[in-house]
Amino acid sequence: MFKNAAGVNYLIPFLLIATLYLLWGCAHGLLDVLNKHFQEAFDMTKAESGFVQFSVYIGYFVMALPAGWLMRRLGYKRGIILGLLIFALGALLFVPASFIHSPLPFFAALFILACGLCIIENGAHPCATGMGPEAYAAQRINIAAAFNGVGWIVGPLIGGLLIFGGEGSSFDLAKPYILVGCFVLLVCLIFSRIRIPEAEMEADAEQEAVTEGTTEGSVWQHSHFRQALIAQFLYVGAQTGIGSYFVNYVLELDPSMSKLTAAQLLSMGGMGLFFVGRLMSSLFMRWISPGRLLALFGACATICMTLVMASMGTASLIALFLSFFFMSTMFPTIFALGVRGMGARTKQASSLLVMCIVGGAVFPICMGLVGQTSMAQGFSLPLIAFAYITLFGVGQAMQKR
């Protein structure tokens, strides 16, 4: 899985790349705690608090193509180091922002942080898919994404303890980001001293693409890539929206529950299942094709959203938890299927797929508007997204037959 035809072993650099998945998982997990906190700290509606996610995901949209250009100019290693430095800067800007009683400085810090994350993801995803034979690309990126799942657990846990369990001051918002910023700088230092075998990876990708006869024409001539763009936009929007309004939904379902308890349920329950799902997905792909697994998980997630919208008490809460398990494989699998056979155009295709993360900027605001009276109704948007992803998975499974 981690060796190319010449016998070069990519395992060690792959594990280092996987640590990057953990970092941005933690950063994104923190957002779900911020969303609820901003509603109260700055007297925002649900739709207005969606600008927490908007600030991050619009950063991805703005930075995606420049990040792809940077990767082509600087290479994976130097590009990722630059991304880590910008990530750390955005996180540490939460300190001065905490002394201004306004959400705008926080939104600006989140935007800068997201620009760094976008650069990192533009390098990490093609590295994860390219460190070995293309037949195992989906499995490798799902393994790397399992580290991301750990970050999604740690983020809400730290955020809930330091923000909801803090003293109630605006500086509580900065505390988790100080920890994240310092850790990112440490990872940056370690990363600067390791070697990423990108020349060998690109040669392997080009050779496999030539063998499959899929390198002719632009990326836009590949229907599977165009469909993957839509699927990725919808998936990131759905996942972000579900995480953003998890606390709101749970508190509406059980008003006696505290915000800290709800945040802990998100971390250990929802994100815990998300992590387990990513681990199991890479195992399942030993027996079932990525397209079929994506279709199966998409259909199950669609059913879960139907139950969530029904607001059936415990049954709906269980369905909300299970949706995290079924979402787990979607991003890495859609990505792997989208860049399949791109060869030398992988970096360009990766940039465009990362740009589709802008779905996370759109869905929280829309879900907040739809669910202003009843949060359950806002989950109709993820339901539509999962239905499309199911169809995309079915189409990819049929192509591989």
Protein backbone atom coordinates (compact mmCIF):
# COMPACT_ATOMS: atom_id res chain seq x y z
CA MET A 1 0.00 0.00 0.00
CA PHE A 2 2.89 2.39 0.75
CA LYS A 3 5.46 1.12 -1.78
CA ASN A 4 5.79 2.09 -5.44
CA ALA A 5 6.81 -0.20 -8.30
CA ALA A 6 10.49 0.55 -7.62
CA GLY A 7 10.13 -0.57 -4.01
CA VAL A 8 10.36 2.94 -2.46
CA ASN A 9 8.62 2.91 0.93
CA TYR A 10 6.50 5.99 1.70
CA LEU A 11 5.29 4.91 5.17
CA ILE A 12 7.28 7.38 7.30
CA PRO A 13 6.53 10.49 5.21
CA PHE A 14 2.90 9.31 5.01
CA LEU A 15 2.62 9.25 8.81
CA LEU A 16 4.06 12.78 8.99
CA ILE A 17 1.52 13.96 6.43
CA ALA A 18 -1.20 12.28 8.51
CA THR A 19 -0.33 14.51 11.50
CA LEU A 20 -1.42 17.48 9.39
CA TYR A 21 -4.88 15.93 9.14
CA LEU A 22 -5.03 15.89 12.94
CA LEU A 23 -4.15 19.60 13.11
CA TRP A 24 -6.86 20.88 10.81
CA GLY A 25 -9.38 18.45 12.30
CA CYS A 26 -8.80 20.11 15.66
CA ALA A 27 -9.16 23.57 14.11
CA HIS A 28 -12.47 22.66 12.45
CA GLY A 29 -13.76 20.89 15.56
CA LEU A 30 -13.27 24.08 17.58
CA LEU A 31 -15.61 25.95 15.22
CA ASP A 32 -18.63 23.93 16.33
CA VAL A 33 -18.14 25.17 19.90
CA LEU A 34 -17.54 28.75 18.76
CA ASN A 35 -20.82 28.80 16.84
CA LYS A 36 -22.99 28.37 19.93
CA HIS A 37 -20.78 30.63 22.07
CA PHE A 38 -20.97 33.50 19.56
CA GLN A 39 -24.78 33.36 19.64
CA GLU A 40 -24.71 34.33 23.31
CA ALA A 41 -21.49 36.35 23.64
CA PHE A 42 -22.39 38.69 20.76
CA ASP A 43 -26.21 38.32 20.84
CA MET A 44 -26.37 36.68 17.40
CA THR A 45 -29.13 34.71 15.71
CA LYS A 46 -28.42 31.19 14.46
CA ALA A 47 -27.98 32.48 10.91
CA GLU A 48 -25.60 35.25 12.06
CA SER A 49 -23.47 32.81 14.04
CA GLY A 50 -23.08 30.88 10.79
CA PHE A 51 -20.55 33.56 9.84
CA VAL A 52 -18.10 31.75 12.13
CA GLN A 53 -18.00 28.94 9.60
CA PHE A 54 -18.37 31.38 6.70
CA SER A 55 -15.16 33.17 7.72
CA VAL A 56 -13.24 29.89 7.55
CA TYR A 57 -14.70 28.30 4.46
CA ILE A 58 -14.68 31.47 2.38
CA GLY A 59 -10.96 31.53 3.15
CA TYR A 60 -10.68 28.14 1.50
CA PHE A 61 -12.54 29.42 -1.54
CA VAL A 62 -10.39 32.53 -1.91
CA MET A 63 -7.11 30.72 -1.29
CA ALA A 64 -7.69 27.43 -3.15
CA LEU A 65 -6.32 28.42 -6.59
CA PRO A 66 -3.44 30.51 -5.18
CA ALA A 67 -2.59 27.56 -2.93
CA GLY A 68 -2.46 25.26 -5.95
CA TRP A 69 -0.15 27.74 -7.69
CA LEU A 70 2.06 27.87 -4.59
CA MET A 71 2.29 24.07 -4.53
CA ARG A 72 3.38 24.03 -8.16
CA ARG A 73 5.96 26.78 -7.53
CA LEU A 74 7.27 25.75 -4.12
CA GLY A 75 6.62 22.02 -4.04
CA TYR A 76 4.75 20.11 -1.35
CA LYS A 77 7.24 20.55 1.52
CA ARG A 78 7.86 24.30 1.32
CA GLY A 79 4.22 24.94 0.47
CA ILE A 80 3.03 23.02 3.54
CA ILE A 81 5.52 24.86 5.78
CA LEU A 82 4.18 28.19 4.53
CA GLY A 83 0.64 27.00 5.25
CA LEU A 84 1.58 25.96 8.79
CA LEU A 85 3.08 29.40 9.51
CA ILE A 86 -0.08 31.17 8.29
CA PHE A 87 -2.21 28.71 10.30
CA ALA A 88 -0.25 29.54 13.46
CA LEU A 89 -0.52 33.29 12.79
CA GLY A 90 -4.31 33.09 12.48
CA ALA A 91 -4.60 31.07 15.69
CA LEU A 92 -2.42 33.45 17.72
CA LEU A 93 -4.34 36.50 16.41
CA PHE A 94 -7.15 35.34 18.71
CA VAL A 95 -5.17 36.91 21.57
CA PRO A 96 -5.46 40.56 20.43
CA ALA A 97 -8.98 39.85 19.10
CA SER A 98 -10.12 38.82 22.59
CA PHE A 99 -9.54 42.37 23.89
CA ILE A 100 -12.02 43.86 21.40
CA HIS A 101 -15.67 43.16 22.17
CA SER A 102 -16.66 42.50 18.59
CA PRO A 103 -16.91 39.35 16.47
CA LEU A 104 -15.17 41.00 13.49
CA PRO A 105 -11.54 40.56 14.71
CA PHE A 106 -12.29 36.88 15.38
CA PHE A 107 -13.73 36.49 11.89
CA ALA A 108 -10.57 38.07 10.43
CA ALA A 109 -8.34 35.73 12.48
CA LEU A 110 -10.39 32.73 11.34
CA PHE A 111 -10.07 33.84 7.71
CA ILE A 112 -6.26 34.04 7.99
CA LEU A 113 -6.17 30.68 9.77
CA ALA A 114 -8.26 29.16 6.97
CA CYS A 115 -5.89 30.45 4.29
CA GLY A 116 -3.12 28.50 6.01
CA LEU A 117 -5.30 25.39 6.28
CA CYS A 118 -6.16 25.64 2.59
CA ILE A 119 -2.48 25.64 1.61
CA ILE A 120 -1.82 22.66 3.88
CA GLU A 121 -4.73 20.66 2.47
CA ASN A 122 -3.65 21.40 -1.10
CA GLY A 123 -0.41 19.60 -0.30
CA ALA A 124 -1.57 16.93 2.12
CA HIS A 125 -4.39 15.38 0.07
CA PRO A 126 -2.37 14.65 -3.10
CA CYS A 127 0.51 13.47 -0.91
CA ALA A 128 -1.75 11.00 0.90
CA THR A 129 -3.24 9.67 -2.34
CA GLY A 130 0.11 9.62 -4.16
CA MET A 131 2.29 7.75 -1.65
CA GLY A 132 1.87 4.34 -3.26
CA PRO A 133 -0.15 2.56 -5.98
CA GLU A 134 -3.28 4.38 -7.17
CA ALA A 135 -5.38 1.26 -6.51
CA TYR A 136 -4.93 1.92 -2.78
CA ALA A 137 -5.32 5.71 -2.95
CA ALA A 138 -8.77 5.75 -1.33
CA GLN A 139 -7.60 3.48 1.49
CA ARG A 140 -4.53 5.62 2.18
CA ILE A 141 -6.43 8.88 2.34
CA ASN A 142 -9.04 7.27 4.61
CA ILE A 143 -6.24 6.16 6.95
CA ALA A 144 -4.84 9.70 6.97
CA ALA A 145 -8.35 11.02 7.51
CA ALA A 146 -8.62 8.86 10.65
CA PHE A 147 -6.04 11.19 12.19
CA ASN A 148 -8.32 14.03 11.15
CA GLY A 149 -11.08 12.29 13.11
CA VAL A 150 -8.91 12.44 16.24
CA GLY A 151 -8.61 16.18 15.74
CA TRP A 152 -12.39 16.51 15.42
CA ILE A 153 -12.69 14.81 18.84
CA VAL A 154 -9.99 16.91 20.52
CA GLY A 155 -11.26 20.24 19.12
CA PRO A 156 -14.76 20.30 20.67
CA LEU A 157 -13.41 18.72 23.87
CA ILE A 158 -10.76 21.41 24.40
CA GLY A 159 -13.08 24.14 23.18
CA GLY A 160 -15.91 23.04 25.47
CA LEU A 161 -13.66 22.90 28.54
CA LEU A 162 -11.82 26.18 27.93
CA ILE A 163 -14.70 28.22 26.48
CA PHE A 164 -17.92 26.90 28.06
CA GLY A 165 -16.07 25.91 31.23
CA GLY A 166 -14.10 29.17 31.45
CA GLU A 167 -14.60 32.29 33.53
CA GLY A 168 -16.93 33.92 31.02
CA SER A 169 -14.39 36.45 29.77
CA SER A 170 -13.67 37.16 26.12
CA PHE A 171 -10.14 35.80 26.65
CA ASP A 172 -11.68 32.32 27.04
CA LEU A 173 -12.04 32.31 23.24
CA ALA A 174 -8.29 32.72 22.81
CA LYS A 175 -7.17 29.95 25.18
CA PRO A 176 -7.69 26.91 22.88
CA TYR A 177 -6.19 28.78 19.94
CA ILE A 178 -3.04 29.63 21.89
CA LEU A 179 -2.54 25.90 22.45
CA VAL A 180 -3.22 25.11 18.81
CA GLY A 181 -0.93 27.87 17.53
CA CYS A 182 2.02 26.74 19.67
CA PHE A 183 1.56 23.10 18.63
CA VAL A 184 1.39 24.08 14.95
CA LEU A 185 4.72 25.92 15.25
CA LEU A 186 6.26 22.78 16.76
CA VAL A 187 4.94 20.64 13.89
CA CYS A 188 6.29 23.23 11.43
CA LEU A 189 9.76 22.89 12.93
CA ILE A 190 9.63 19.08 12.68
CA PHE A 191 8.26 19.22 9.14
CA SER A 192 11.13 21.47 8.00
CA ARG A 193 13.56 18.67 8.82
CA ILE A 194 11.91 15.77 6.97
CA ARG A 195 11.98 14.81 3.30
CA ILE A 196 8.87 14.55 1.11
CA PRO A 197 9.66 12.35 -1.95
CA GLU A 198 7.45 14.42 -4.27
CA ALA A 199 9.47 13.85 -7.45
CA GLU A 200 9.02 10.08 -7.12
CA MET A 201 5.31 10.50 -6.29
CA GLU A 202 4.62 12.63 -9.36
CA ALA A 203 6.49 10.21 -11.59
CA ASP A 204 4.43 7.32 -10.19
CA ALA A 205 1.15 9.19 -10.71
CA GLU A 206 2.02 10.12 -14.29
CA GLN A 207 3.03 6.56 -15.14
CA GLU A 208 -0.19 5.07 -13.73
CA ALA A 209 -2.29 7.65 -15.54
CA VAL A 210 -0.55 6.87 -18.83
CA THR A 211 -1.16 3.18 -18.24
CA GLU A 212 -4.88 3.83 -17.72
CA GLY A 213 -5.02 6.23 -20.67
CA THR A 214 -6.65 9.00 -18.64
CA THR A 215 -4.25 11.94 -19.00
CA GLU A 216 -5.61 13.45 -22.23
CA GLY A 217 -7.50 16.75 -22.11
CA SER A 218 -8.15 19.16 -19.24
CA VAL A 219 -9.55 18.23 -15.87
CA TRP A 220 -12.96 19.54 -16.98
CA GLN A 221 -13.25 16.85 -19.65
CA HIS A 222 -13.52 14.17 -16.95
CA SER A 223 -17.14 13.70 -15.90
CA HIS A 224 -16.19 11.94 -12.67
CA PHE A 225 -14.16 15.00 -11.65
CA ARG A 226 -17.02 17.42 -12.35
CA GLN A 227 -19.41 15.26 -10.34
CA ALA A 228 -16.87 15.03 -7.52
CA LEU A 229 -16.75 18.83 -7.30
CA ILE A 230 -20.51 18.98 -6.64
CA ALA A 231 -20.36 16.07 -4.21
CA GLN A 232 -17.50 17.65 -2.25
CA PHE A 233 -19.27 21.01 -2.04
CA LEU A 234 -22.41 19.34 -0.70
CA TYR A 235 -20.56 17.05 1.69
CA VAL A 236 -18.47 19.77 3.35
CA GLY A 237 -21.57 21.95 3.62
CA ALA A 238 -23.56 19.14 5.22
CA GLN A 239 -20.86 18.11 7.67
CA THR A 240 -20.15 21.70 8.69
CA GLY A 241 -23.84 22.49 9.14
CA ILE A 242 -24.49 19.37 11.21
CA GLY A 243 -21.55 20.08 13.50
CA SER A 244 -22.39 23.79 13.75
CA TYR A 245 -25.94 23.21 14.96
CA PHE A 246 -25.41 19.98 16.89
CA VAL A 247 -25.46 21.83 20.22
CA ASN A 248 -28.52 23.87 19.19
CA TYR A 249 -30.42 20.76 18.10
CA VAL A 250 -29.56 18.76 21.22
CA LEU A 251 -30.56 21.63 23.54
CA GLU A 252 -33.88 22.04 21.71
CA LEU A 253 -34.46 18.29 22.03
CA ASP A 254 -33.50 18.30 25.75
CA PRO A 255 -33.62 21.82 27.29
CA SER A 256 -32.39 20.46 30.64
CA MET A 257 -28.96 19.63 29.19
CA SER A 258 -26.08 22.07 29.71
CA LYS A 259 -24.05 23.54 26.86
CA LEU A 260 -20.86 21.92 28.20
CA THR A 261 -22.53 18.49 28.26
CA ALA A 262 -23.77 19.01 24.70
CA ALA A 263 -20.26 19.98 23.56
CA GLN A 264 -18.85 16.86 25.23
CA LEU A 265 -21.48 14.74 23.49
CA LEU A 266 -20.40 16.26 20.19
CA SER A 267 -16.76 15.51 20.93
CA MET A 268 -16.92 12.02 22.40
CA GLY A 269 -20.15 10.83 20.78
CA GLY A 270 -20.49 12.39 17.34
CA MET A 271 -16.81 12.92 16.57
CA GLY A 272 -15.94 9.65 18.30
CA LEU A 273 -18.15 7.80 15.81
CA PHE A 274 -16.66 9.94 13.04
CA PHE A 275 -13.19 8.68 14.01
CA VAL A 276 -14.33 5.05 14.26
CA GLY A 277 -15.99 5.34 10.86
CA ARG A 278 -12.81 6.55 9.23
CA LEU A 279 -10.81 3.72 10.72
CA MET A 280 -13.35 1.13 9.63
CA SER A 281 -13.76 2.62 6.15
CA SER A 282 -10.16 1.88 5.22
CA LEU A 283 -10.76 -1.68 6.44
CA PHE A 284 -14.04 -2.07 4.54
CA MET A 285 -12.31 -1.03 1.31
CA ARG A 286 -10.38 -4.27 1.35
CA TRP A 287 -13.63 -6.00 0.35
CA ILE A 288 -15.86 -3.29 -1.12
CA SER A 289 -15.01 -0.68 -3.75
CA PRO A 290 -14.80 2.99 -2.68
CA GLY A 291 -17.78 3.90 -4.88
CA ARG A 292 -20.03 1.23 -3.38
CA LEU A 293 -19.01 2.13 0.17
CA LEU A 294 -19.70 5.81 -0.53
CA ALA A 295 -23.15 4.94 -1.92
CA LEU A 296 -23.98 2.75 1.10
CA PHE A 297 -22.87 5.32 3.67
CA GLY A 298 -24.61 8.11 1.74
CA ALA A 299 -27.92 6.23 1.78
CA CYS A 300 -27.61 5.55 5.53
CA ALA A 301 -26.79 9.22 6.21
CA THR A 302 -29.87 10.25 4.23
CA ILE A 303 -32.04 8.02 6.42
CA CYS A 304 -30.42 9.48 9.54
CA MET A 305 -31.27 13.03 8.45
CA THR A 306 -34.88 12.00 7.86
CA LEU A 307 -35.10 10.78 11.48
CA VAL A 308 -33.37 13.92 12.78
CA MET A 309 -35.94 16.11 11.04
CA ALA A 310 -38.74 14.07 12.61
CA SER A 311 -37.62 15.13 16.14
CA MET A 312 -38.52 11.76 17.66
CA GLY A 313 -36.60 12.17 20.91
CA THR A 314 -34.03 9.47 21.61
CA ALA A 315 -34.40 7.90 18.15
CA SER A 316 -33.56 11.23 16.47
CA LEU A 317 -30.60 11.81 18.80
CA ILE A 318 -29.21 8.36 17.97
CA ALA A 319 -29.68 9.08 14.26
CA LEU A 320 -27.78 12.37 14.66
CA PHE A 321 -24.90 10.51 16.30
CA LEU A 322 -24.89 7.80 13.62
CA SER A 323 -24.78 10.40 10.85
CA PHE A 324 -21.22 11.22 11.95
CA PHE A 325 -20.22 7.59 11.40
CA PHE A 326 -21.67 7.55 7.89
CA MET A 327 -20.18 10.95 7.00
CA SER A 328 -16.71 9.77 8.00
CA THR A 329 -15.59 8.30 4.68
CA MET A 330 -17.16 10.89 2.40
CA PHE A 331 -14.53 13.61 2.07
CA PRO A 332 -11.47 11.39 1.51
CA THR A 333 -13.33 8.98 -0.76
CA ILE A 334 -14.86 11.72 -2.91
CA PHE A 335 -11.42 13.31 -3.16
CA ALA A 336 -9.71 10.07 -4.17
CA LEU A 337 -12.39 9.28 -6.76
CA GLY A 338 -12.22 12.84 -8.10
CA VAL A 339 -8.44 12.91 -8.74
CA ARG A 340 -8.31 9.34 -10.06
CA GLY A 341 -6.31 9.16 -13.28
CA MET A 342 -5.31 12.84 -13.32
CA GLY A 343 -1.56 12.21 -13.44
CA ALA A 344 0.35 15.51 -13.82
CA ARG A 345 -2.94 17.40 -13.40
CA THR A 346 -3.43 16.12 -9.86
CA LYS A 347 -2.32 19.39 -8.24
CA GLN A 348 -4.79 21.39 -10.34
CA ALA A 349 -7.61 18.94 -9.63
CA SER A 350 -6.73 19.00 -5.93
CA SER A 351 -6.92 22.80 -5.82
CA LEU A 352 -10.38 22.80 -7.36
CA LEU A 353 -11.64 20.09 -5.01
CA VAL A 354 -10.29 22.00 -2.02
CA MET A 355 -12.06 25.11 -3.35
CA CYS A 356 -15.34 23.20 -3.01
CA ILE A 357 -14.87 23.34 0.75
CA VAL A 358 -16.67 26.68 0.36
CA GLY A 359 -19.82 24.60 0.85
CA GLY A 360 -19.00 24.93 4.54
CA ALA A 361 -19.45 28.71 4.23
CA VAL A 362 -22.88 28.42 2.63
CA PHE A 363 -24.67 25.66 4.56
CA PRO A 364 -24.46 27.00 8.15
CA ILE A 365 -26.01 30.33 7.17
CA CYS A 366 -28.74 28.63 5.13
CA MET A 367 -29.40 26.04 7.84
CA GLY A 368 -29.60 28.81 10.41
CA LEU A 369 -32.21 30.62 8.33
CA VAL A 370 -34.28 27.50 7.68
CA GLY A 371 -33.98 26.32 11.28
CA GLN A 372 -34.45 29.64 13.05
CA THR A 373 -37.81 28.54 14.50
CA SER A 374 -37.07 24.80 14.69
CA MET A 375 -33.52 23.57 14.23
CA ALA A 376 -34.78 20.20 13.02
CA GLN A 377 -35.99 21.78 9.78
CA GLY A 378 -32.51 23.08 9.02
CA PHE A 379 -31.31 19.48 8.62
CA SER A 380 -33.28 19.21 5.37
CA LEU A 381 -30.22 20.64 3.57
CA PRO A 382 -27.83 17.86 4.67
CA LEU A 383 -30.53 15.35 3.65
CA ILE A 384 -30.46 16.69 0.08
CA ALA A 385 -26.65 16.67 0.07
CA PHE A 386 -26.41 13.04 1.18
CA ALA A 387 -28.96 11.98 -1.43
CA TYR A 388 -26.74 13.42 -4.19
CA ILE A 389 -23.61 11.84 -2.71
CA THR A 390 -25.40 8.48 -2.73
CA LEU A 391 -26.09 8.86 -6.45
CA PHE A 392 -22.48 9.90 -7.09
CA GLY A 393 -21.23 6.80 -5.29
CA VAL A 394 -23.59 4.56 -7.28
CA GLY A 395 -22.31 6.09 -10.52
CA GLN A 396 -18.67 5.57 -9.57
CA ALA A 397 -19.34 1.97 -8.47
CA MET A 398 -20.96 1.20 -11.82
CA GLN A 399 -18.03 2.72 -13.75
CA LYS A 400 -15.56 0.48 -11.94
CA ARG A 401 -17.48 -2.71 -12.75
